[in-house]
Amino acid sequence: MIKLPKSLSSAKNIVKIFRYGDRERPLRDWLILSAAATILFVISLGWNTWVFEQVTNGEIVSLSVPAKTQISTGAVDTAQQVFQTRATERGHYLNDYRFVDPSH
């Protein structure tokens, strides 16, 4: 008989634990399934907590490292100018201009 190295014989013992024999062992199956689900849940919880912290701190969440980009604020400035003009016009209609509203 061939003598197996100690590491292989211990690996064989580990494999025997998970091998189906003559008897089914549903408790073992449910324990493995529950342990795997719990591990995945903890990993998911950790990942989601990390992402939430990054977003609340104003960081950009990305798996790749993006190159630093310059953000153009021209569109935002234009939109602010439009809203300021509208607010001024509204003030004129409420206070300065006199006009007749035909709906009344």
PDB file of N, CA and C in Angstrom:
ATOM      1  N   MET A   1       0.831  -1.173   0.000  1.00  0.00           N
ATOM      2  CA  MET A   1       0.000   0.000   0.000  1.00  0.00           C
ATOM      3  C   MET A   1       0.879   1.241   0.000  1.00  0.00           C
ATOM      4  N   ILE A   2       0.400   2.252  -0.755  1.00  0.00           N
ATOM      5  CA  ILE A   2       1.168   3.486  -0.882  1.00  0.00           C
ATOM      6  C   ILE A   2       0.827   4.395   0.293  1.00  0.00           C
ATOM      7  N   LYS A   3       1.858   4.924   0.907  1.00  0.00           N
ATOM      8  CA  LYS A   3       1.669   5.824   2.039  1.00  0.00           C
ATOM      9  C   LYS A   3       1.507   7.241   1.500  1.00  0.00           C
ATOM     10  N   LEU A   4       0.384   7.880   1.819  1.00  0.00           N
ATOM     11  CA  LEU A   4       0.123   9.245   1.377  1.00  0.00           C
ATOM     12  C   LEU A   4       0.816  10.238   2.302  1.00  0.00           C
ATOM     13  N   PRO A   5       1.252  11.358   1.742  1.00  0.00           N
ATOM     14  CA  PRO A   5       1.811  12.389   2.612  1.00  0.00           C
ATOM     15  C   PRO A   5       0.739  12.880   3.584  1.00  0.00           C
ATOM     16  N   LYS A   6       1.201  13.391   4.715  1.00  0.00           N
ATOM     17  CA  LYS A   6       0.290  13.810   5.768  1.00  0.00           C
ATOM     18  C   LYS A   6      -0.699  14.874   5.286  1.00  0.00           C
ATOM     19  N   SER A   7      -0.238  15.807   4.438  1.00  0.00           N
ATOM     20  CA  SER A   7      -1.119  16.886   3.972  1.00  0.00           C
ATOM     21  C   SER A   7      -2.239  16.328   3.102  1.00  0.00           C
ATOM     22  N   LEU A   8      -1.946  15.311   2.290  1.00  0.00           N
ATOM     23  CA  LEU A   8      -2.980  14.714   1.450  1.00  0.00           C
ATOM     24  C   LEU A   8      -3.977  13.919   2.266  1.00  0.00           C
ATOM     25  N   SER A   9      -3.514  13.226   3.289  1.00  0.00           N
ATOM     26  CA  SER A   9      -4.450  12.440   4.102  1.00  0.00           C
ATOM     27  C   SER A   9      -5.372  13.368   4.897  1.00  0.00           C
ATOM     28  N   SER A  10      -4.862  14.505   5.348  1.00  0.00           N
ATOM     29  CA  SER A  10      -5.748  15.439   6.059  1.00  0.00           C
ATOM     30  C   SER A  10      -6.747  16.070   5.087  1.00  0.00           C
ATOM     31  N   ALA A  11      -6.322  16.293   3.841  1.00  0.00           N
ATOM     32  CA  ALA A  11      -7.246  16.816   2.835  1.00  0.00           C
ATOM     33  C   ALA A  11      -8.330  15.781   2.533  1.00  0.00           C
ATOM     34  N   LYS A  12      -7.966  14.520   2.535  1.00  0.00           N
ATOM     35  CA  LYS A  12      -8.951  13.465   2.304  1.00  0.00           C
ATOM     36  C   LYS A  12      -9.975  13.429   3.437  1.00  0.00           C
ATOM     37  N   ASN A  13      -9.525  13.665   4.661  1.00  0.00           N
ATOM     38  CA  ASN A  13     -10.446  13.690   5.796  1.00  0.00           C
ATOM     39  C   ASN A  13     -11.416  14.865   5.682  1.00  0.00           C
ATOM     40  N   ILE A  14     -10.938  15.997   5.225  1.00  0.00           N
ATOM     41  CA  ILE A  14     -11.804  17.166   5.060  1.00  0.00           C
ATOM     42  C   ILE A  14     -12.839  16.890   3.972  1.00  0.00           C
ATOM     43  N   VAL A  15     -12.415  16.263   2.884  1.00  0.00           N
ATOM     44  CA  VAL A  15     -13.332  15.942   1.798  1.00  0.00           C
ATOM     45  C   VAL A  15     -14.389  14.943   2.272  1.00  0.00           C
ATOM     46  N   LYS A  16     -14.016  14.009   3.147  1.00  0.00           N
ATOM     47  CA  LYS A  16     -14.968  13.016   3.653  1.00  0.00           C
ATOM     48  C   LYS A  16     -16.098  13.684   4.429  1.00  0.00           C
ATOM     49  N   ILE A  17     -15.810  14.792   5.089  1.00  0.00           N
ATOM     50  CA  ILE A  17     -16.840  15.478   5.867  1.00  0.00           C
ATOM     51  C   ILE A  17     -17.961  15.960   4.951  1.00  0.00           C
ATOM     52  N   PHE A  18     -17.615  16.441   3.785  1.00  0.00           N
ATOM     53  CA  PHE A  18     -18.594  17.031   2.878  1.00  0.00           C
ATOM     54  C   PHE A  18     -19.160  16.039   1.864  1.00  0.00           C
ATOM     55  N   ARG A  19     -18.681  14.803   1.871  1.00  0.00           N
ATOM     56  CA  ARG A  19     -19.129  13.817   0.903  1.00  0.00           C
ATOM     57  C   ARG A  19     -20.409  13.149   1.387  1.00  0.00           C
ATOM     58  N   TYR A  20     -21.299  12.920   0.441  1.00  0.00           N
ATOM     59  CA  TYR A  20     -22.509  12.173   0.781  1.00  0.00           C
ATOM     60  C   TYR A  20     -22.150  10.709   0.899  1.00  0.00           C
ATOM     61  N   GLY A  21     -22.652  10.104   1.921  1.00  0.00           N
ATOM     62  CA  GLY A  21     -22.431   8.677   2.099  1.00  0.00           C
ATOM     63  C   GLY A  21     -23.733   7.942   1.896  1.00  0.00           C
ATOM     64  N   ASP A  22     -23.948   6.947   2.697  1.00  0.00           N
ATOM     65  CA  ASP A  22     -25.192   6.195   2.624  1.00  0.00           C
ATOM     66  C   ASP A  22     -26.350   6.996   3.210  1.00  0.00           C
ATOM     67  N   ARG A  23     -26.046   7.908   4.132  1.00  0.00           N
ATOM     68  CA  ARG A  23     -27.092   8.680   4.798  1.00  0.00           C
ATOM     69  C   ARG A  23     -27.041  10.131   4.331  1.00  0.00           C
ATOM     70  N   GLU A  24     -28.205  10.701   4.181  1.00  0.00           N
ATOM     71  CA  GLU A  24     -28.268  12.126   3.890  1.00  0.00           C
ATOM     72  C   GLU A  24     -28.190  12.885   5.205  1.00  0.00           C
ATOM     73  N   ARG A  25     -27.555  14.048   5.154  1.00  0.00           N
ATOM     74  CA  ARG A  25     -27.429  14.848   6.366  1.00  0.00           C
ATOM     75  C   ARG A  25     -27.955  16.257   6.092  1.00  0.00           C
ATOM     76  N   PRO A  26     -29.262  16.465   6.209  1.00  0.00           N
ATOM     77  CA  PRO A  26     -29.828  17.770   5.897  1.00  0.00           C
ATOM     78  C   PRO A  26     -29.364  18.861   6.859  1.00  0.00           C
ATOM     79  N   LEU A  27     -29.066  18.507   8.093  1.00  0.00           N
ATOM     80  CA  LEU A  27     -28.598  19.515   9.042  1.00  0.00           C
ATOM     81  C   LEU A  27     -27.291  20.135   8.557  1.00  0.00           C
ATOM     82  N   ARG A  28     -26.385  19.287   8.078  1.00  0.00           N
ATOM     83  CA  ARG A  28     -25.110  19.781   7.548  1.00  0.00           C
ATOM     84  C   ARG A  28     -25.342  20.687   6.350  1.00  0.00           C
ATOM     85  N   ASP A  29     -26.260  20.297   5.461  1.00  0.00           N
ATOM     86  CA  ASP A  29     -26.538  21.093   4.275  1.00  0.00           C
ATOM     87  C   ASP A  29     -27.107  22.453   4.647  1.00  0.00           C
ATOM     88  N   TRP A  30     -28.032  22.473   5.600  1.00  0.00           N
ATOM     89  CA  TRP A  30     -28.620  23.744   6.020  1.00  0.00           C
ATOM     90  C   TRP A  30     -27.606  24.617   6.747  1.00  0.00           C
ATOM     91  N   LEU A  31     -26.726  24.012   7.502  1.00  0.00           N
ATOM     92  CA  LEU A  31     -25.687  24.789   8.184  1.00  0.00           C
ATOM     93  C   LEU A  31     -24.728  25.430   7.169  1.00  0.00           C
ATOM     94  N   ILE A  32     -24.368  24.678   6.144  1.00  0.00           N
ATOM     95  CA  ILE A  32     -23.489  25.225   5.110  1.00  0.00           C
ATOM     96  C   ILE A  32     -24.185  26.347   4.356  1.00  0.00           C
ATOM     97  N   LEU A  33     -25.439  26.130   4.002  1.00  0.00           N
ATOM     98  CA  LEU A  33     -26.202  27.153   3.297  1.00  0.00           C
ATOM     99  C   LEU A  33     -26.377  28.402   4.157  1.00  0.00           C
ATOM    100  N   SER A  34     -26.693  28.212   5.428  1.00  0.00           N
ATOM    101  CA  SER A  34     -26.865  29.351   6.336  1.00  0.00           C
ATOM    102  C   SER A  34     -25.558  30.101   6.541  1.00  0.00           C
ATOM    103  N   ALA A  35     -24.467  29.371   6.687  1.00  0.00           N
ATOM    104  CA  ALA A  35     -23.161  30.018   6.869  1.00  0.00           C
ATOM    105  C   ALA A  35     -22.776  30.816   5.629  1.00  0.00           C
ATOM    106  N   ALA A  36     -22.993  30.243   4.460  1.00  0.00           N
ATOM    107  CA  ALA A  36     -22.661  30.961   3.214  1.00  0.00           C
ATOM    108  C   ALA A  36     -23.528  32.207   3.070  1.00  0.00           C
ATOM    109  N   ALA A  37     -24.822  32.097   3.378  1.00  0.00           N
ATOM    110  CA  ALA A  37     -25.711  33.256   3.285  1.00  0.00           C
ATOM    111  C   ALA A  37     -25.312  34.333   4.290  1.00  0.00           C
ATOM    112  N   THR A  38     -24.931  33.923   5.493  1.00  0.00           N
ATOM    113  CA  THR A  38     -24.510  34.887   6.510  1.00  0.00           C
ATOM    114  C   THR A  38     -23.226  35.593   6.100  1.00  0.00           C
ATOM    115  N   ILE A  39     -22.286  34.863   5.555  1.00  0.00           N
ATOM    116  CA  ILE A  39     -21.028  35.468   5.102  1.00  0.00           C
ATOM    117  C   ILE A  39     -21.298  36.461   3.977  1.00  0.00           C
ATOM    118  N   LEU A  40     -22.134  36.081   3.017  1.00  0.00           N
ATOM    119  CA  LEU A  40     -22.461  37.004   1.926  1.00  0.00           C
ATOM    120  C   LEU A  40     -23.201  38.233   2.432  1.00  0.00           C
ATOM    121  N   PHE A  41     -24.077  38.056   3.411  1.00  0.00           N
ATOM    122  CA  PHE A  41     -24.802  39.193   3.988  1.00  0.00           C
ATOM    123  C   PHE A  41     -23.843  40.158   4.680  1.00  0.00           C
ATOM    124  N   VAL A  42     -22.898  39.629   5.441  1.00  0.00           N
ATOM    125  CA  VAL A  42     -21.932  40.483   6.146  1.00  0.00           C
ATOM    126  C   VAL A  42     -21.051  41.222   5.148  1.00  0.00           C
ATOM    127  N   ILE A  43     -20.630  40.557   4.090  1.00  0.00           N
ATOM    128  CA  ILE A  43     -19.831  41.219   3.057  1.00  0.00           C
ATOM    129  C   ILE A  43     -20.633  42.319   2.389  1.00  0.00           C
ATOM    130  N   SER A  44     -21.883  42.039   2.061  1.00  0.00           N
ATOM    131  CA  SER A  44     -22.748  43.038   1.437  1.00  0.00           C
ATOM    132  C   SER A  44     -22.984  44.217   2.373  1.00  0.00           C
ATOM    133  N   LEU A  45     -23.222  43.944   3.622  1.00  0.00           N
ATOM    134  CA  LEU A  45     -23.439  45.005   4.607  1.00  0.00           C
ATOM    135  C   LEU A  45     -22.196  45.891   4.728  1.00  0.00           C
ATOM    136  N   GLY A  46     -21.041  45.288   4.771  1.00  0.00           N
ATOM    137  CA  GLY A  46     -19.796  46.062   4.847  1.00  0.00           C
ATOM    138  C   GLY A  46     -19.585  46.917   3.612  1.00  0.00           C
ATOM    139  N   TRP A  47     -19.803  46.339   2.444  1.00  0.00           N
ATOM    140  CA  TRP A  47     -19.623  47.082   1.188  1.00  0.00           C
ATOM    141  C   TRP A  47     -20.590  48.264   1.117  1.00  0.00           C
ATOM    142  N   ASN A  48     -21.858  48.018   1.422  1.00  0.00           N
ATOM    143  CA  ASN A  48     -22.857  49.079   1.348  1.00  0.00           C
ATOM    144  C   ASN A  48     -22.596  50.174   2.377  1.00  0.00           C
ATOM    145  N   THR A  49     -22.114  49.814   3.546  1.00  0.00           N
ATOM    146  CA  THR A  49     -21.761  50.819   4.556  1.00  0.00           C
ATOM    147  C   THR A  49     -20.608  51.676   4.062  1.00  0.00           C
ATOM    148  N   TRP A  50     -19.604  51.055   3.475  1.00  0.00           N
ATOM    149  CA  TRP A  50     -18.455  51.798   2.948  1.00  0.00           C
ATOM    150  C   TRP A  50     -18.895  52.756   1.842  1.00  0.00           C
ATOM    151  N   VAL A  51     -19.721  52.282   0.917  1.00  0.00           N
ATOM    152  CA  VAL A  51     -20.192  53.133  -0.179  1.00  0.00           C
ATOM    153  C   VAL A  51     -21.019  54.294   0.373  1.00  0.00           C
ATOM    154  N   PHE A  52     -21.887  54.029   1.351  1.00  0.00           N
ATOM    155  CA  PHE A  52     -22.695  55.087   1.955  1.00  0.00           C
ATOM    156  C   PHE A  52     -21.809  56.149   2.591  1.00  0.00           C
ATOM    157  N   GLU A  53     -20.787  55.723   3.313  1.00  0.00           N
ATOM    158  CA  GLU A  53     -19.864  56.681   3.945  1.00  0.00           C
ATOM    159  C   GLU A  53     -19.130  57.509   2.894  1.00  0.00           C
ATOM    160  N   GLN A  54     -18.705  56.870   1.807  1.00  0.00           N
ATOM    161  CA  GLN A  54     -18.008  57.596   0.748  1.00  0.00           C
ATOM    162  C   GLN A  54     -18.915  58.658   0.131  1.00  0.00           C
ATOM    163  N   VAL A  55     -20.157  58.289  -0.139  1.00  0.00           N
ATOM    164  CA  VAL A  55     -21.087  59.219  -0.791  1.00  0.00           C
ATOM    165  C   VAL A  55     -21.449  60.364   0.149  1.00  0.00           C
ATOM    166  N   THR A  56     -21.687  60.078   1.423  1.00  0.00           N
ATOM    167  CA  THR A  56     -22.044  61.142   2.354  1.00  0.00           C
ATOM    168  C   THR A  56     -20.887  62.091   2.618  1.00  0.00           C
ATOM    169  N   ASN A  57     -19.661  61.627   2.411  1.00  0.00           N
ATOM    170  CA  ASN A  57     -18.498  62.502   2.560  1.00  0.00           C
ATOM    171  C   ASN A  57     -18.162  63.238   1.273  1.00  0.00           C
ATOM    172  N   GLY A  58     -18.959  63.042   0.229  1.00  0.00           N
ATOM    173  CA  GLY A  58     -18.764  63.765  -1.017  1.00  0.00           C
ATOM    174  C   GLY A  58     -17.743  63.137  -1.951  1.00  0.00           C
ATOM    175  N   GLU A  59     -17.352  61.931  -1.694  1.00  0.00           N
ATOM    176  CA  GLU A  59     -16.378  61.253  -2.548  1.00  0.00           C
ATOM    177  C   GLU A  59     -17.074  60.621  -3.743  1.00  0.00           C
ATOM    178  N   ILE A  60     -16.318  60.404  -4.792  1.00  0.00           N
ATOM    179  CA  ILE A  60     -16.822  59.702  -5.967  1.00  0.00           C
ATOM    180  C   ILE A  60     -16.503  58.229  -5.786  1.00  0.00           C
ATOM    181  N   VAL A  61     -17.510  57.385  -5.917  1.00  0.00           N
ATOM    182  CA  VAL A  61     -17.319  55.951  -5.731  1.00  0.00           C
ATOM    183  C   VAL A  61     -17.057  55.322  -7.084  1.00  0.00           C
ATOM    184  N   SER A  62     -15.885  54.725  -7.231  1.00  0.00           N
ATOM    185  CA  SER A  62     -15.528  54.083  -8.489  1.00  0.00           C
ATOM    186  C   SER A  62     -14.536  52.973  -8.196  1.00  0.00           C
ATOM    187  N   LEU A  63     -14.637  51.891  -8.937  1.00  0.00           N
ATOM    188  CA  LEU A  63     -13.686  50.804  -8.763  1.00  0.00           C
ATOM    189  C   LEU A  63     -12.368  51.092  -9.464  1.00  0.00           C
ATOM    190  N   SER A  64     -12.426  51.925 -10.495  1.00  0.00           N
ATOM    191  CA  SER A  64     -11.199  52.311 -11.179  1.00  0.00           C
ATOM    192  C   SER A  64     -10.825  53.719 -10.725  1.00  0.00           C
ATOM    193  N   VAL A  65      -9.558  54.024 -10.826  1.00  0.00           N
ATOM    194  CA  VAL A  65      -9.092  55.341 -10.417  1.00  0.00           C
ATOM    195  C   VAL A  65      -9.233  56.279 -11.608  1.00  0.00           C
ATOM    196  N   PRO A  66     -10.177  57.232 -11.544  1.00  0.00           N
ATOM    197  CA  PRO A  66     -10.365  58.129 -12.686  1.00  0.00           C
ATOM    198  C   PRO A  66      -9.290  59.206 -12.724  1.00  0.00           C
ATOM    199  N   ALA A  67      -9.018  59.661 -13.917  1.00  0.00           N
ATOM    200  CA  ALA A  67      -8.095  60.775 -14.060  1.00  0.00           C
ATOM    201  C   ALA A  67      -8.796  62.027 -13.552  1.00  0.00           C
ATOM    202  N   LYS A  68      -8.013  62.951 -13.026  1.00  0.00           N
ATOM    203  CA  LYS A  68      -8.625  64.179 -12.531  1.00  0.00           C
ATOM    204  C   LYS A  68      -9.183  64.956 -13.712  1.00  0.00           C
ATOM    205  N   THR A  69     -10.453  65.300 -13.590  1.00  0.00           N
ATOM    206  CA  THR A  69     -11.112  66.018 -14.670  1.00  0.00           C
ATOM    207  C   THR A  69     -11.526  67.385 -14.180  1.00  0.00           C
ATOM    208  N   GLN A  70     -11.546  68.331 -15.085  1.00  0.00           N
ATOM    209  CA  GLN A  70     -12.013  69.668 -14.775  1.00  0.00           C
ATOM    210  C   GLN A  70     -13.503  69.729 -15.077  1.00  0.00           C
ATOM    211  N   ILE A  71     -14.268  70.184 -14.120  1.00  0.00           N
ATOM    212  CA  ILE A  71     -15.710  70.271 -14.302  1.00  0.00           C
ATOM    213  C   ILE A  71     -16.044  71.687 -14.740  1.00  0.00           C
ATOM    214  N   SER A  72     -16.755  71.788 -15.842  1.00  0.00           N
ATOM    215  CA  SER A  72     -17.155  73.086 -16.362  1.00  0.00           C
ATOM    216  C   SER A  72     -18.382  73.565 -15.601  1.00  0.00           C
ATOM    217  N   THR A  73     -18.307  74.774 -15.062  1.00  0.00           N
ATOM    218  CA  THR A  73     -19.438  75.333 -14.308  1.00  0.00           C
ATOM    219  C   THR A  73     -20.216  76.327 -15.152  1.00  0.00           C
ATOM    220  N   GLY A  74     -19.932  76.400 -16.428  1.00  0.00           N
ATOM    221  CA  GLY A  74     -20.609  77.355 -17.304  1.00  0.00           C
ATOM    222  C   GLY A  74     -22.102  77.132 -17.368  1.00  0.00           C
ATOM    223  N   ALA A  75     -22.531  75.888 -17.472  1.00  0.00           N
ATOM    224  CA  ALA A  75     -23.962  75.582 -17.560  1.00  0.00           C
ATOM    225  C   ALA A  75     -24.669  75.946 -16.256  1.00  0.00           C
ATOM    226  N   VAL A  76     -24.016  75.710 -15.140  1.00  0.00           N
ATOM    227  CA  VAL A  76     -24.607  76.046 -13.846  1.00  0.00           C
ATOM    228  C   VAL A  76     -24.719  77.565 -13.702  1.00  0.00           C
ATOM    229  N   ASP A  77     -23.677  78.272 -14.111  1.00  0.00           N
ATOM    230  CA  ASP A  77     -23.719  79.735 -14.039  1.00  0.00           C
ATOM    231  C   ASP A  77     -24.827  80.297 -14.918  1.00  0.00           C
ATOM    232  N   THR A  78     -24.998  79.728 -16.107  1.00  0.00           N
ATOM    233  CA  THR A  78     -26.053  80.180 -17.014  1.00  0.00           C
ATOM    234  C   THR A  78     -27.430  79.939 -16.395  1.00  0.00           C
ATOM    235  N   ALA A  79     -27.636  78.779 -15.809  1.00  0.00           N
ATOM    236  CA  ALA A  79     -28.917  78.462 -15.180  1.00  0.00           C
ATOM    237  C   ALA A  79     -29.193  79.408 -14.009  1.00  0.00           C
ATOM    238  N   GLN A  80     -28.169  79.707 -13.222  1.00  0.00           N
ATOM    239  CA  GLN A  80     -28.361  80.639 -12.106  1.00  0.00           C
ATOM    240  C   GLN A  80     -28.742  82.029 -12.613  1.00  0.00           C
ATOM    241  N   GLN A  81     -28.124  82.435 -13.699  1.00  0.00           N
ATOM    242  CA  GLN A  81     -28.443  83.745 -14.280  1.00  0.00           C
ATOM    243  C   GLN A  81     -29.899  83.783 -14.761  1.00  0.00           C
ATOM    244  N   VAL A  82     -30.357  82.717 -15.385  1.00  0.00           N
ATOM    245  CA  VAL A  82     -31.744  82.652 -15.855  1.00  0.00           C
ATOM    246  C   VAL A  82     -32.705  82.766 -14.678  1.00  0.00           C
ATOM    247  N   PHE A  83     -32.436  82.035 -13.604  1.00  0.00           N
ATOM    248  CA  PHE A  83     -33.325  82.083 -12.448  1.00  0.00           C
ATOM    249  C   PHE A  83     -33.285  83.441 -11.748  1.00  0.00           C
ATOM    250  N   GLN A  84     -32.126  84.079 -11.735  1.00  0.00           N
ATOM    251  CA  GLN A  84     -32.055  85.424 -11.153  1.00  0.00           C
ATOM    252  C   GLN A  84     -32.870  86.411 -11.988  1.00  0.00           C
ATOM    253  N   THR A  85     -32.810  86.292 -13.307  1.00  0.00           N
ATOM    254  CA  THR A  85     -33.597  87.154 -14.181  1.00  0.00           C
ATOM    255  C   THR A  85     -35.086  86.924 -13.956  1.00  0.00           C
ATOM    256  N   ARG A  86     -35.492  85.674 -13.837  1.00  0.00           N
ATOM    257  CA  ARG A  86     -36.896  85.356 -13.589  1.00  0.00           C
ATOM    258  C   ARG A  86     -37.362  85.911 -12.244  1.00  0.00           C
ATOM    259  N   ALA A  87     -36.514  85.819 -11.222  1.00  0.00           N
ATOM    260  CA  ALA A  87     -36.881  86.338  -9.910  1.00  0.00           C
ATOM    261  C   ALA A  87     -37.044  87.856  -9.966  1.00  0.00           C
ATOM    262  N   THR A  88     -36.184  88.534 -10.722  1.00  0.00           N
ATOM    263  CA  THR A  88     -36.301  89.990 -10.880  1.00  0.00           C
ATOM    264  C   THR A  88     -37.601  90.342 -11.589  1.00  0.00           C
ATOM    265  N   GLU A  89     -37.921  89.631 -12.659  1.00  0.00           N
ATOM    266  CA  GLU A  89     -39.162  89.881 -13.387  1.00  0.00           C
ATOM    267  C   GLU A  89     -40.385  89.625 -12.505  1.00  0.00           C
ATOM    268  N   ARG A  90     -40.346  88.595 -11.715  1.00  0.00           N
ATOM    269  CA  ARG A  90     -41.456  88.296 -10.814  1.00  0.00           C
ATOM    270  C   ARG A  90     -41.653  89.443  -9.828  1.00  0.00           C
ATOM    271  N   GLY A  91     -40.544  89.947  -9.308  1.00  0.00           N
ATOM    272  CA  GLY A  91     -40.624  91.084  -8.394  1.00  0.00           C
ATOM    273  C   GLY A  91     -41.252  92.295  -9.053  1.00  0.00           C
ATOM    274  N   HIS A  92     -40.906  92.534 -10.338  1.00  0.00           N
ATOM    275  CA  HIS A  92     -41.501  93.654 -11.063  1.00  0.00           C
ATOM    276  C   HIS A  92     -43.012  93.454 -11.218  1.00  0.00           C
ATOM    277  N   TYR A  93     -43.438  92.256 -11.555  1.00  0.00           N
ATOM    278  CA  TYR A  93     -44.867  91.995 -11.739  1.00  0.00           C
ATOM    279  C   TYR A  93     -45.626  92.140 -10.427  1.00  0.00           C
ATOM    280  N   LEU A  94     -45.016  91.740  -9.332  1.00  0.00           N
ATOM    281  CA  LEU A  94     -45.708  91.825  -8.050  1.00  0.00           C
ATOM    282  C   LEU A  94     -45.749  93.249  -7.497  1.00  0.00           C
ATOM    283  N   ASN A  95     -44.695  94.024  -7.734  1.00  0.00           N
ATOM    284  CA  ASN A  95     -44.594  95.325  -7.083  1.00  0.00           C
ATOM    285  C   ASN A  95     -44.738  96.515  -8.032  1.00  0.00           C
ATOM    286  N   ASP A  96     -44.097  96.507  -9.172  1.00  0.00           N
ATOM    287  CA  ASP A  96     -43.975  97.696 -10.016  1.00  0.00           C
ATOM    288  C   ASP A  96     -45.051  97.781 -11.090  1.00  0.00           C
ATOM    289  N   TYR A  97     -45.261  96.717 -11.816  1.00  0.00           N
ATOM    290  CA  TYR A  97     -46.140  96.778 -12.973  1.00  0.00           C
ATOM    291  C   TYR A  97     -47.601  96.719 -12.545  1.00  0.00           C
ATOM    292  N   ARG A  98     -48.413  97.468 -13.263  1.00  0.00           N
ATOM    293  CA  ARG A  98     -49.849  97.385 -13.039  1.00  0.00           C
ATOM    294  C   ARG A  98     -50.444  96.791 -14.320  1.00  0.00           C
ATOM    295  N   PHE A  99     -51.101  95.712 -14.150  1.00  0.00           N
ATOM    296  CA  PHE A  99     -51.732  95.089 -15.319  1.00  0.00           C
ATOM    297  C   PHE A  99     -53.052  94.482 -14.900  1.00  0.00           C
ATOM    298  N   VAL A 100     -53.911  94.315 -15.882  1.00  0.00           N
ATOM    299  CA  VAL A 100     -55.234  93.778 -15.631  1.00  0.00           C
ATOM    300  C   VAL A 100     -55.217  92.286 -15.941  1.00  0.00           C
ATOM    301  N   ASP A 101     -55.677  91.523 -14.993  1.00  0.00           N
ATOM    302  CA  ASP A 101     -55.754  90.075 -15.183  1.00  0.00           C
ATOM    303  C   ASP A 101     -57.133  89.760 -15.734  1.00  0.00           C
ATOM    304  N   PRO A 102     -57.212  89.327 -17.010  1.00  0.00           N
ATOM    305  CA  PRO A 102     -58.513  89.084 -17.617  1.00  0.00           C
ATOM    306  C   PRO A 102     -59.260  87.884 -17.030  1.00  0.00           C
ATOM    307  N   SER A 103     -58.594  87.072 -16.241  1.00  0.00           N
ATOM    308  CA  SER A 103     -59.288  85.909 -15.690  1.00  0.00           C
ATOM    309  C   SER A 103     -60.197  86.257 -14.523  1.00  0.00           C
ATOM    310  N   HIS A 104     -60.094  87.493 -14.026  1.00  0.00           N
ATOM    311  CA  HIS A 104     -60.964  87.898 -12.897  1.00  0.00           C
ATOM    312  C   HIS A 104     -62.109  88.728 -13.379  1.00  0.00           C
TER     313      HIS A 104
END
